[in-house]
Every structure is written in structure tokens, then in C-alpha cells.
C-alpha atoms as a PDB file:
ATOM      1  CA  MET A   1     -13.216  -6.563 -28.757  1.00  0.00           C
ATOM      2  CA  ALA A   2     -15.739  -8.539 -26.722  1.00  0.00           C
ATOM      3  CA  LEU A   3     -15.316 -11.604 -24.551  1.00  0.00           C
ATOM      4  CA  LYS A   4     -18.114 -14.142 -24.452  1.00  0.00           C
ATOM      5  CA  VAL A   5     -19.208 -15.727 -21.173  1.00  0.00           C
ATOM      6  CA  LYS A   6     -21.971 -18.227 -20.474  1.00  0.00           C
ATOM      7  CA  ALA A   7     -23.905 -18.532 -17.206  1.00  0.00           C
ATOM      8  CA  VAL A   8     -25.387 -22.013 -16.890  1.00  0.00           C
ATOM      9  CA  GLU A   9     -27.958 -23.005 -14.240  1.00  0.00           C
ATOM     10  CA  ARG A  10     -26.712 -26.142 -12.519  1.00  0.00           C
ATOM     11  CA  LYS A  11     -27.609 -28.088  -9.424  1.00  0.00           C
ATOM     12  CA  ILE A  12     -24.737 -28.204  -6.970  1.00  0.00           C
ATOM     13  CA  LYS A  13     -24.658 -30.858  -4.237  1.00  0.00           C
ATOM     14  CA  PHE A  14     -22.076 -32.627  -2.111  1.00  0.00           C
ATOM     15  CA  ASN A  15     -23.670 -36.041  -1.576  1.00  0.00           C
ATOM     16  CA  LYS A  16     -26.551 -38.169  -2.869  1.00  0.00           C
ATOM     17  CA  ASN A  17     -28.802 -37.258   0.080  1.00  0.00           C
ATOM     18  CA  ASP A  18     -28.329 -33.547  -0.424  1.00  0.00           C
ATOM     19  CA  PRO A  19     -31.276 -32.089  -2.410  1.00  0.00           C
ATOM     20  CA  GLY A  20     -28.866 -29.537  -3.837  1.00  0.00           C
ATOM     21  CA  VAL A  21     -29.415 -25.961  -4.942  1.00  0.00           C
ATOM     22  CA  TYR A  22     -29.498 -24.423  -8.397  1.00  0.00           C
ATOM     23  CA  ARG A  23     -26.967 -21.730  -9.107  1.00  0.00           C
ATOM     24  CA  TYR A  24     -25.970 -19.869 -12.268  1.00  0.00           C
ATOM     25  CA  VAL A  25     -22.283 -20.585 -12.785  1.00  0.00           C
ATOM     26  CA  MET A  26     -20.306 -18.392 -15.186  1.00  0.00           C
ATOM     27  CA  LYS A  27     -17.404 -19.522 -17.331  1.00  0.00           C
ATOM     28  CA  PRO A  28     -15.750 -18.202 -20.484  1.00  0.00           C
ATOM     29  CA  GLU A  29     -16.942 -19.535 -23.828  1.00  0.00           C
ATOM     30  CA  LEU A  30     -13.695 -20.818 -25.251  1.00  0.00           C
ATOM     31  CA  TYR A  31     -13.177 -20.817 -28.984  1.00  0.00           C
ATOM     32  CA  ILE A  32     -11.513 -23.694 -30.786  1.00  0.00           C
ATOM     33  CA  ALA A  33      -7.788 -23.929 -30.047  1.00  0.00           C
ATOM     34  CA  LEU A  34      -5.717 -22.407 -32.834  1.00  0.00           C
ATOM     35  CA  THR A  35      -3.030 -24.530 -34.440  1.00  0.00           C
ATOM     36  CA  GLN A  36       0.592 -23.415 -34.462  1.00  0.00           C
ATOM     37  CA  ALA A  37       0.561 -23.415 -38.268  1.00  0.00           C
ATOM     38  CA  LYS A  38      -2.358 -20.957 -38.361  1.00  0.00           C
ATOM     39  CA  VAL A  39      -0.656 -18.572 -35.950  1.00  0.00           C
ATOM     40  CA  ILE A  40       2.607 -18.715 -37.917  1.00  0.00           C
ATOM     41  CA  LYS A  41       0.733 -18.069 -41.181  1.00  0.00           C
ATOM     42  CA  GLU A  42      -1.051 -15.034 -39.745  1.00  0.00           C
ATOM     43  CA  ALA A  43       2.171 -13.662 -38.221  1.00  0.00           C
ATOM     44  CA  ALA A  44       3.935 -14.089 -41.563  1.00  0.00           C
ATOM     45  CA  LEU A  45       1.196 -12.113 -43.337  1.00  0.00           C
ATOM     46  CA  ARG A  46       1.410  -9.278 -40.820  1.00  0.00           C
ATOM     47  CA  SER A  47       5.211  -9.088 -40.814  1.00  0.00           C
ATOM     48  CA  GLY A  48       5.849  -9.565 -44.506  1.00  0.00           C
ATOM     49  CA  CYS A  49       8.148 -12.517 -43.790  1.00  0.00           C
ATOM     50  CA  SER A  50       7.771 -15.890 -45.451  1.00  0.00           C
ATOM     51  CA  GLN A  51       6.132 -18.672 -43.469  1.00  0.00           C
ATOM     52  CA  GLY A  52       9.423 -20.606 -43.520  1.00  0.00           C
ATOM     53  CA  VAL A  53      11.332 -17.722 -41.954  1.00  0.00           C
ATOM     54  CA  MET A  54       8.561 -17.100 -39.436  1.00  0.00           C
ATOM     55  CA  LYS A  55       8.509 -20.777 -38.407  1.00  0.00           C
ATOM     56  CA  ALA A  56      12.280 -20.788 -37.959  1.00  0.00           C
ATOM     57  CA  CYS A  57      12.041 -17.676 -35.751  1.00  0.00           C
ATOM     58  CA  TRP A  58       9.109 -19.164 -33.835  1.00  0.00           C
ATOM     59  CA  ASP A  59      11.002 -22.398 -33.134  1.00  0.00           C
ATOM     60  CA  ALA A  60      14.203 -20.582 -32.168  1.00  0.00           C
ATOM     61  CA  ALA A  61      12.387 -18.218 -29.793  1.00  0.00           C
ATOM     62  CA  GLY A  62      10.605 -21.161 -28.194  1.00  0.00           C
ATOM     63  CA  GLU A  63      13.880 -22.983 -27.555  1.00  0.00           C
ATOM     64  CA  VAL A  64      15.485 -19.860 -26.045  1.00  0.00           C
ATOM     65  CA  ILE A  65      12.487 -19.180 -23.788  1.00  0.00           C
ATOM     66  CA  LYS A  66      12.397 -22.812 -22.631  1.00  0.00           C
ATOM     67  CA  ALA A  67      16.126 -22.897 -21.900  1.00  0.00           C
ATOM     68  CA  TRP A  68      16.271 -19.607 -19.994  1.00  0.00           C
ATOM     69  CA  ALA A  69      13.029 -20.142 -18.049  1.00  0.00           C
ATOM     70  CA  THR A  70      14.297 -23.502 -16.783  1.00  0.00           C
ATOM     71  CA  GLU A  71      17.541 -21.816 -15.694  1.00  0.00           C
ATOM     72  CA  GLY A  72      15.577 -19.523 -13.387  1.00  0.00           C
ATOM     73  CA  HIS A  73      15.314 -16.382 -15.507  1.00  0.00           C
ATOM     74  CA  ALA A  74      12.180 -14.293 -15.986  1.00  0.00           C
ATOM     75  CA  VAL A  75      11.901 -14.418 -19.777  1.00  0.00           C
ATOM     76  CA  PRO A  76      10.058 -11.729 -21.795  1.00  0.00           C
ATOM     77  CA  LEU A  77       7.331 -12.825 -24.206  1.00  0.00           C
ATOM     78  CA  PRO A  78       7.047 -10.164 -26.957  1.00  0.00           C
ATOM     79  CA  GLY A  79       3.967  -8.000 -26.474  1.00  0.00           C
ATOM     80  CA  LEU A  80       2.560 -10.291 -23.774  1.00  0.00           C
ATOM     81  CA  GLY A  81       4.600 -10.110 -20.582  1.00  0.00           C
ATOM     82  CA  SER A  82       7.033 -12.551 -19.035  1.00  0.00           C
ATOM     83  CA  MET A  83       7.168 -16.104 -17.710  1.00  0.00           C
ATOM     84  CA  ARG A  84       9.275 -17.701 -15.032  1.00  0.00           C
ATOM     85  CA  PHE A  85       9.664 -20.803 -12.926  1.00  0.00           C
ATOM     86  CA  GLY A  86       7.844 -21.178  -9.627  1.00  0.00           C
ATOM     87  CA  LEU A  87       6.848 -23.886  -7.197  1.00  0.00           C
ATOM     88  CA  ARG A  88       4.239 -24.738  -4.602  1.00  0.00           C
ATOM     89  CA  SER A  89       5.598 -26.014  -1.315  1.00  0.00           C
ATOM     90  CA  LYS A  90       4.913 -26.536   2.361  1.00  0.00           C
ATOM     91  CA  SER A  91       6.467 -24.267   4.953  1.00  0.00           C
ATOM     92  CA  VAL A  92       8.388 -25.526   7.979  1.00  0.00           C
ATOM     93  CA  GLU A  93       9.520 -23.858  11.176  1.00  0.00           C
ATOM     94  CA  LYS A  94      13.027 -25.331  11.489  1.00  0.00           C
ATOM     95  CA  VAL A  95      15.813 -25.072   8.926  1.00  0.00           C
ATOM     96  CA  GLU A  96      16.772 -28.699   9.470  1.00  0.00           C
ATOM     97  CA  ASP A  97      13.320 -29.682   8.185  1.00  0.00           C
ATOM     98  CA  VAL A  98      13.873 -27.987   4.824  1.00  0.00           C
ATOM     99  CA  LYS A  99      14.100 -30.634   2.082  1.00  0.00           C
ATOM    100  CA  THR A 100      13.002 -31.191  -1.489  1.00  0.00           C
ATOM    101  CA  GLY A 101      10.163 -33.395  -0.237  1.00  0.00           C
ATOM    102  CA  LEU A 102       8.339 -30.219   0.827  1.00  0.00           C
ATOM    103  CA  ILE A 103       7.863 -29.266  -2.833  1.00  0.00           C
ATOM    104  CA  LYS A 104       4.381 -30.222  -4.014  1.00  0.00           C
ATOM    105  CA  SER A 105       4.559 -29.042  -7.601  1.00  0.00           C
ATOM    106  CA  ARG A 106       6.606 -27.018 -10.053  1.00  0.00           C
ATOM    107  CA  ARG A 107       4.877 -24.198 -11.861  1.00  0.00           C
ATOM    108  CA  ILE A 108       5.166 -21.877 -14.838  1.00  0.00           C
ATOM    109  CA  ILE A 109       4.087 -18.366 -13.850  1.00  0.00           C
ATOM    110  CA  PHE A 110       2.989 -15.831 -16.451  1.00  0.00           C
ATOM    111  CA  THR A 111       2.970 -12.115 -15.688  1.00  0.00           C
ATOM    112  CA  PRO A 112       1.047 -10.083 -18.296  1.00  0.00           C
ATOM    113  CA  SER A 113       2.368  -6.798 -19.626  1.00  0.00           C
ATOM    114  CA  VAL A 114       0.667  -3.488 -18.863  1.00  0.00           C
ATOM    115  CA  ASP A 115      -0.571  -3.238 -22.462  1.00  0.00           C
ATOM    116  CA  LEU A 116      -2.109  -6.721 -22.342  1.00  0.00           C
ATOM    117  CA  LYS A 117      -3.809  -6.008 -19.019  1.00  0.00           C
ATOM    118  CA  ASP A 118      -5.188  -2.723 -20.374  1.00  0.00           C
ATOM    119  CA  GLU A 119      -6.505  -4.503 -23.466  1.00  0.00           C
ATOM    120  CA  LEU A 120      -8.282  -7.091 -21.323  1.00  0.00           C
ATOM    121  CA  ALA A 121      -9.613  -4.458 -18.887  1.00  0.00           C
ATOM    122  CA  ASN A 122     -11.130  -2.451 -21.742  1.00  0.00           C
ATOM    123  CA  ALA A 123     -12.772  -5.445 -23.434  1.00  0.00           C
ATOM    124  CA  SER A 124     -16.524  -5.729 -22.973  1.00  0.00           C
ATOM    125  CA  ILE A 125     -18.007  -8.973 -21.697  1.00  0.00           C
ATOM    126  CA  GLN A 126     -21.178 -10.437 -23.176  1.00  0.00           C
ATOM    127  CA  ILE A 127     -22.965 -12.927 -20.922  1.00  0.00           C
ATOM    128  CA  THR A 128     -25.506 -15.445 -22.217  1.00  0.00           C
ATOM    129  CA  CYS A 129     -27.627 -17.143 -19.538  1.00  0.00           C
ATOM    130  CA  TYR A 130     -28.876 -20.722 -19.969  1.00  0.00           C
ATOM    131  CA  ASP A 131     -31.457 -22.283 -17.656  1.00  0.00           C
ATOM    132  CA  ARG A 132     -31.362 -25.884 -16.440  1.00  0.00           C
ATOM    133  CA  ASN A 133     -33.075 -27.001 -19.656  1.00  0.00           C
ATOM    134  CA  GLY A 134     -30.430 -25.431 -21.864  1.00  0.00           C
ATOM    135  CA  ASP A 135     -32.658 -22.583 -23.038  1.00  0.00           C
ATOM    136  CA  VAL A 136     -31.326 -19.035 -23.375  1.00  0.00           C
ATOM    137  CA  VAL A 137     -33.161 -16.898 -20.813  1.00  0.00           C
ATOM    138  CA  LYS A 138     -31.131 -13.695 -20.733  1.00  0.00           C
ATOM    139  CA  ARG A 139     -28.285 -11.809 -22.375  1.00  0.00           C
ATOM    140  CA  VAL A 140     -26.231  -9.242 -20.507  1.00  0.00           C
ATOM    141  CA  THR A 141     -23.451  -6.850 -21.477  1.00  0.00           C
ATOM    142  CA  SER A 142     -21.098  -6.626 -18.538  1.00  0.00           C
ATOM    143  CA  ALA A 143     -20.600  -3.324 -16.756  1.00  0.00           C
ATOM    144  CA  ASP A 144     -17.908  -4.515 -14.347  1.00  0.00           C
ATOM    145  CA  ASP A 145     -14.954  -2.288 -13.507  1.00  0.00           C
ATOM    146  CA  GLY A 146     -12.490  -4.346 -15.546  1.00  0.00           C
ATOM    147  CA  THR A 147     -10.303  -5.307 -12.591  1.00  0.00           C
ATOM    148  CA  ILE A 148      -7.450  -7.597 -13.635  1.00  0.00           C
ATOM    149  CA  GLU A 149      -6.129 -10.158 -11.167  1.00  0.00           C
ATOM    150  CA  ASP A 150      -2.573  -9.318 -10.168  1.00  0.00           C
ATOM    151  CA  PRO A 151      -0.325 -12.404 -10.392  1.00  0.00           C
ATOM    152  CA  GLU A 152       2.116 -10.723  -7.998  1.00  0.00           C
ATOM    153  CA  GLY A 153      -0.762 -10.220  -5.551  1.00  0.00           C
ATOM    154  CA  ASP A 154      -0.392 -10.784  -1.842  1.00  0.00           C
ATOM    155  CA  GLU A 155       3.301 -11.355  -1.313  1.00  0.00           C
ATOM    156  CA  ASN A 156       2.659 -12.957   2.072  1.00  0.00           C
ATOM    157  CA  GLY A 157      -0.244 -15.171   1.070  1.00  0.00           C
ATOM    158  CA  THR A 158      -0.249 -18.734   2.398  1.00  0.00           C
ATOM    159  CA  GLU A 159      -2.478 -21.713   1.952  1.00  0.00           C
ATOM    160  CA  ASN A 160      -4.180 -22.399   5.305  1.00  0.00           C
ATOM    161  CA  GLY A 161      -1.007 -21.437   7.073  1.00  0.00           C
ATOM    162  CA  THR A 162       0.885 -24.516   5.885  1.00  0.00           C
ATOM    163  CA  GLU A 163       1.683 -24.008   2.221  1.00  0.00           C
ATOM    164  CA  ASN A 164       2.888 -21.199   0.011  1.00  0.00           C
ATOM    165  CA  ASP A 165       4.006 -20.436  -3.483  1.00  0.00           C
ATOM    166  CA  THR A 166       7.685 -19.695  -3.933  1.00  0.00           C
ATOM    167  CA  GLU A 167       8.839 -18.032  -7.113  1.00  0.00           C
ATOM    168  CA  ASN A 168      12.256 -17.943  -8.645  1.00  0.00           C
ATOM    169  CA  GLY A 169      12.118 -14.517 -10.225  1.00  0.00           C
ATOM    170  CA  GLY A 170      15.605 -14.714 -11.739  1.00  0.00           C
ATOM    171  CA  SER A 171      18.879 -13.115 -10.717  1.00  0.00           C
ATOM    172  CA  GLN A 172      18.665  -9.639  -9.300  1.00  0.00           C
ATOM    173  CA  ASN A 173      20.925  -8.295 -12.042  1.00  0.00           C
ATOM    174  CA  GLN A 174      18.458  -9.349 -14.740  1.00  0.00           C
ATOM    175  CA  GLY A 175      16.388  -6.457 -16.078  1.00  0.00           C
ATOM    176  CA  GLY A 176      12.709  -6.758 -15.197  1.00  0.00           C
ATOM    177  CA  SER A 177      13.151  -9.754 -12.919  1.00  0.00           C
ATOM    178  CA  GLN A 178      11.435  -9.943  -9.568  1.00  0.00           C
ATOM    179  CA  GLY A 179      14.520 -10.944  -7.619  1.00  0.00           C
ATOM    180  CA  GLY A 180      14.482 -13.309  -4.662  1.00  0.00           C
ATOM    181  CA  GLU A 181      11.355 -15.144  -3.610  1.00  0.00           C
ATOM    182  CA  GLN A 182       7.731 -14.098  -3.378  1.00  0.00           C
ATOM    183  CA  ASN A 183       4.480 -15.773  -2.404  1.00  0.00           C
ATOM    184  CA  GLN A 184       1.571 -16.021  -4.799  1.00  0.00           C
ATOM    185  CA  PRO A 185      -2.018 -15.404  -3.717  1.00  0.00           C
ATOM    186  CA  THR A 186      -3.675 -18.714  -3.034  1.00  0.00           C
ATOM    187  CA  GLY A 187      -7.115 -20.106  -2.325  1.00  0.00           C
ATOM    188  CA  PHE A 188      -7.690 -23.545  -0.863  1.00  0.00           C
ATOM    189  CA  ALA A 189      -5.726 -26.641  -1.806  1.00  0.00           C
ATOM    190  CA  LEU A 190      -7.568 -29.526  -3.471  1.00  0.00           C
ATOM    191  CA  THR A 191      -5.798 -32.844  -2.985  1.00  0.00           C
ATOM    192  CA  ILE A 192      -6.865 -35.457  -5.540  1.00  0.00           C
ATOM    193  CA  SER A 193      -6.469 -39.196  -5.053  1.00  0.00           C
ATOM    194  CA  THR A 194      -7.483 -41.685  -7.752  1.00  0.00           C
ATOM    195  CA  SER A 195      -7.568 -45.468  -7.877  1.00  0.00           C
ATOM    196  CA  GLY A 196      -8.926 -48.166 -10.151  1.00  0.00           C
ATOM    197  CA  SER A 197      -8.240 -49.191 -13.724  1.00  0.00           C
ATOM    198  CA  GLY A 198     -10.543 -46.633 -15.379  1.00  0.00           C
ATOM    199  CA  SER A 199      -9.701 -43.014 -16.178  1.00  0.00           C
ATOM    200  CA  ALA A 200     -10.805 -39.696 -14.714  1.00  0.00           C
ATOM    201  CA  SER A 201     -10.408 -36.007 -15.514  1.00  0.00           C
ATOM    202  CA  ILE A 202     -10.999 -33.075 -13.177  1.00  0.00           C
ATOM    203  CA  THR A 203     -11.476 -29.594 -14.619  1.00  0.00           C
ATOM    204  CA  HIS A 204     -12.337 -26.034 -13.629  1.00  0.00           C
ATOM    205  CA  ASP A 205     -13.437 -23.551 -16.296  1.00  0.00           C
ATOM    206  CA  GLY A 206     -12.318 -26.034 -18.916  1.00  0.00           C
ATOM    207  CA  ASN A 207      -8.791 -26.290 -17.502  1.00  0.00           C
ATOM    208  CA  ALA A 208      -7.341 -29.444 -15.990  1.00  0.00           C
ATOM    209  CA  VAL A 209      -7.092 -29.506 -12.183  1.00  0.00           C
ATOM    210  CA  THR A 210      -4.220 -31.479 -10.687  1.00  0.00           C
ATOM    211  CA  SER A 211      -3.639 -32.553  -7.109  1.00  0.00           C
ATOM    212  CA  GLY A 212      -2.530 -29.656  -4.936  1.00  0.00           C
ATOM    213  CA  ALA A 213      -4.206 -27.037  -7.127  1.00  0.00           C
ATOM    214  CA  SER A 214      -5.379 -23.880  -5.384  1.00  0.00           C
ATOM    215  CA  LEU A 215      -9.051 -22.997  -5.900  1.00  0.00           C
ATOM    216  CA  ASN A 216     -11.270 -20.244  -4.572  1.00  0.00           C
ATOM    217  CA  GLU A 217     -14.415 -20.787  -2.558  1.00  0.00           C
ATOM    218  CA  ASP A 218     -17.400 -21.751  -4.770  1.00  0.00           C
ATOM    219  CA  ASP A 219     -15.202 -22.469  -7.805  1.00  0.00           C
ATOM    220  CA  GLU A 220     -17.056 -25.173  -9.718  1.00  0.00           C
ATOM    221  CA  VAL A 221     -15.086 -28.356 -10.233  1.00  0.00           C
ATOM    222  CA  GLU A 222     -16.260 -30.869 -12.831  1.00  0.00           C
ATOM    223  CA  ILE A 223     -15.487 -34.582 -12.764  1.00  0.00           C
ATOM    224  CA  SER A 224     -15.601 -36.958 -15.746  1.00  0.00           C
ATOM    225  CA  ILE A 225     -14.927 -40.676 -15.222  1.00  0.00           C
ATOM    226  CA  THR A 226     -14.711 -43.507 -17.724  1.00  0.00           C
ATOM    227  CA  PRO A 227     -14.743 -46.599 -15.492  1.00  0.00           C
ATOM    228  CA  ALA A 228     -13.514 -50.113 -16.125  1.00  0.00           C
ATOM    229  CA  GLU A 229     -16.028 -52.235 -18.037  1.00  0.00           C
ATOM    230  CA  ASP A 230     -19.218 -53.010 -16.091  1.00  0.00           C
ATOM    231  CA  GLN A 231     -18.028 -51.046 -13.066  1.00  0.00           C
ATOM    232  CA  VAL A 232     -19.594 -48.082 -11.280  1.00  0.00           C
ATOM    233  CA  PRO A 233     -17.144 -45.395 -10.134  1.00  0.00           C
ATOM    234  CA  THR A 234     -17.379 -43.336  -6.958  1.00  0.00           C
ATOM    235  CA  ALA A 235     -16.193 -39.896  -5.926  1.00  0.00           C
ATOM    236  CA  THR A 236     -16.099 -38.358  -2.464  1.00  0.00           C
ATOM    237  CA  LEU A 237     -15.198 -34.875  -1.294  1.00  0.00           C
ATOM    238  CA  ASN A 238     -14.019 -34.655   2.294  1.00  0.00           C
ATOM    239  CA  GLY A 239     -15.711 -37.998   2.927  1.00  0.00           C
ATOM    240  CA  SER A 240     -19.082 -37.013   1.407  1.00  0.00           C
ATOM    241  CA  GLU A 241     -20.199 -38.645  -1.827  1.00  0.00           C
ATOM    242  CA  VAL A 242     -20.332 -36.534  -4.974  1.00  0.00           C
ATOM    243  CA  GLU A 243     -23.343 -37.461  -7.104  1.00  0.00           C
ATOM    244  CA  LEU A 244     -22.377 -38.843 -10.502  1.00  0.00           C
ATOM    245  CA  THR A 245     -24.616 -39.083 -13.560  1.00  0.00           C
ATOM    246  CA  GLU A 246     -24.017 -41.724 -16.250  1.00  0.00           C
ATOM    247  CA  SER A 247     -24.365 -41.115 -19.994  1.00  0.00           C
ATOM    248  CA  ASP A 248     -22.983 -43.424 -22.688  1.00  0.00           C
ATOM    249  CA  GLY A 249     -20.695 -45.098 -20.197  1.00  0.00           C
ATOM    250  CA  VAL A 250     -19.194 -41.844 -18.896  1.00  0.00           C
ATOM    251  CA  TYR A 251     -19.965 -40.629 -15.365  1.00  0.00           C
ATOM    252  CA  THR A 252     -19.962 -36.911 -14.650  1.00  0.00           C
ATOM    253  CA  GLY A 253     -20.501 -34.788 -11.566  1.00  0.00           C
ATOM    254  CA  ASN A 254     -19.597 -31.427 -10.105  1.00  0.00           C
ATOM    255  CA  PHE A 255     -19.193 -29.629  -6.824  1.00  0.00           C
ATOM    256  CA  ALA A 256     -18.426 -26.156  -5.538  1.00  0.00           C
ATOM    257  CA  MET A 257     -15.081 -25.798  -3.822  1.00  0.00           C
ATOM    258  CA  PRO A 258     -15.538 -25.427  -0.044  1.00  0.00           C
ATOM    259  CA  ALA A 259     -13.869 -22.644   1.913  1.00  0.00           C
ATOM    260  CA  GLN A 260     -11.197 -25.016   3.193  1.00  0.00           C
ATOM    261  CA  ALA A 261      -8.443 -27.317   2.006  1.00  0.00           C
ATOM    262  CA  SER A 262     -10.225 -30.390   0.647  1.00  0.00           C
ATOM    263  CA  THR A 263      -9.594 -33.934  -0.511  1.00  0.00           C
ATOM    264  CA  LEU A 264     -11.249 -35.475  -3.555  1.00  0.00           C
ATOM    265  CA  VAL A 265     -11.082 -39.288  -3.712  1.00  0.00           C
ATOM    266  CA  ILE A 266     -12.044 -41.015  -6.972  1.00  0.00           C
ATOM    267  CA  ASN A 267     -12.349 -44.755  -7.587  1.00  0.00           C
ATOM    268  CA  THR A 268     -12.680 -45.260 -11.321  1.00  0.00           C
ATOM    269  CA  GLY A 269     -13.683 -48.930 -10.962  1.00  0.00           C
ATOM    270  CA  THR A 270     -11.562 -52.055 -10.933  1.00  0.00           C
ATOM    271  CA  ALA A 271     -11.649 -54.659 -13.679  1.00  0.00           C
ATOM    272  CA  GLU A 272     -12.138 -58.365 -13.055  1.00  0.00           C
ATOM    273  CA  GLY A 273      -8.976 -60.126 -11.936  1.00  0.00           C
ATOM    274  CA  ASP A 274      -7.380 -57.068 -10.364  1.00  0.00           C
ATOM    275  CA  ASP A 275      -6.290 -57.459  -6.765  1.00  0.00           C
ATOM    276  CA  GLY A 276      -8.742 -56.517  -4.061  1.00  0.00           C
ATOM    277  CA  PHE A 277     -11.888 -56.419  -6.180  1.00  0.00           C
ATOM    278  CA  ASP A 278     -14.223 -59.105  -7.530  1.00  0.00           C
ATOM    279  CA  LYS A 279     -16.494 -58.203 -10.423  1.00  0.00           C
ATOM    280  CA  ASP A 280     -20.181 -58.922  -9.699  1.00  0.00           C
END
């Protein structure tokens, strides 16, 4: 088994006056998302069950996992690992300050099984390098040590001393549960604020990034904005403008995550007649 990765040469800058620097940024080459029907069909072929029976089992298992995970249990996923409920919250010094308002987001935490981690560790990685013109300039077969990130990680990790991840690992009498609360390893929080009547998406490695997400230093964040008609959007990171490039009415830009908690502010553009903005 081999995993495919692409390294693309991109200019990274934080504002329009910054000349920027070119860096090769690696990300997995993701295949097309498989449909549920295709997975059920393949599982039916391998098990000898009919597709109808397999779909019924699939649906039933999904309902059980959803129900138990939202009750606070660590639920096993056959051959994969387990999932459980978690949350990201701020820490406070005094017990009287503890309140639900400290919770920033609820999370679903997946812990891979030993077999799955071994499979991933033993997989080779093939890297294809693309220069700034989109031309393939190099191909590499990875010789890394196959280290797998541990989701249990640093149990005392905090986010800049003010935030942490709290997990509900299930009741202590549940087999395989973590019991009590633990902290997840974190990077730096990215707070995202959007305004305007257009739309915007923020992604990292092809995955959506939401406000409060934890990112590592130099993680590349991509922005895509579809503004209101005839409007020009803006984006700033920690008060510095992020350069946006327009193509077919869509504005895109990117930046490398700083080594600090950061704030991304996006104005997607405001249409004529909306309060506080007059269309030129």
C-alpha cells in the first residue's frame, strides 16, 4: 500500500506589501470520496451477505454508535479503533467561574486501533513535487520513520495557557474507555470572524477549518471567497491583509499559521441596500 502526497511550490505572504517567499507545501492527494452504497456493496461481497442485509447492519450499527457516543461512551469501531465525545474549552482559576459559556466547541475524537496505526506506519509515501508553474520537477519515495501522531498525546497540553481540550472518555467501568478527563495536544487557536452577504470557506489540507480550530505553526490555511455581486472581499490575519487573487468571481488566498493564537477576519462584501455599506 502506498500513500500519495503532493508538494506544491506556493508563495506565502501575510499582506499585500510583503514580497512573500516560495515554499514547497506538502498535502495528501485525496481520492474521490466513496459513496455509502459502494462501501456496502464491497462489504457484502467480502462477507457473503446480501447488500440488503449489509445495509440493515450498517444502518443499525450507525444508530447504536451515534446513540452511545452522545451518551458519553467510548464506542468501538470494528477494525478501526474507537470514537468518543470531547470538547474544547477555556480554563478558569476559580470554581465559581466555571460555566457552559467556557465551552468553545464540541468534538468527536477518534482513537485508531493498534492494527490501523501499524498499517499506516508501514505504508510507503510517494511524493510528487510541482513547481510554481504546475510542472512536475521531482518524485520521491518517502523514507520517514512512520511515526503516527498519538491522539492521546500530551495529557497536560494547553492552548497558550488559556484553553484546553477536555474529553469525556466514558464511565470508568466501561471496557477500553479512558475514564475521567484528559487534555489533547494542541497547537495555536485560529479565531475566524466573517461578515458580509457573500460566502467564504477556510480549509487546511482539504479539510474545513472552523473558528477555534487548533493549528500548528506553518500549517497552510487556504481561503476561498465568493463575494456579493460587484464587491471586493477582504481578509486580514492579526490585522495584516492577506493577499487575495480573483478568478471567475472567486477570490482565493493562503497564509501560513503563525506560532501564536491568531484571528482571521473576512469581509465577503456587502450587497447594495444592506445596512452600513453603499455600493459604488
